[in-house]
């Protein structure tokens, strides 16, 4: 059974940083991708970044470019999202998701590609 557990959310002030973690278990295949998504109430879940677990190819949404950095530690089966220069509009519940045979391209930020999801972690950025 595939399980994803996010952690690292919290309340910060604008301009500060947070690092989210996504601990994954239950994967048996190599061709996997992890996506980070975020959602605010009343809005669609928005793709933030995709990373291939093998090779490390990434794709960032425009909202994340230059401020967010995704990385992976395959030995720990964990993917990280380093978020710097946070803004109030980054406030959301952040989810990690996993799927197979996903190439990290603009289309990879579609939530419909990912069958496995974590429970989410709240990030709140105050102004």
Foldseek 3Di string as FASTA:
>chain_A
DKAWAKDWADEEAAQAKIKMKIAIDDDDDQQKKKWKWWDDPPDDIWTAKMFRPPPTDMDGDPVQPPFWDWDDDVVRNMIMIIGGRDDQVVWTWMKMFMAGPDDHDVVSGDPVRGPGIHPTDTHGYHD
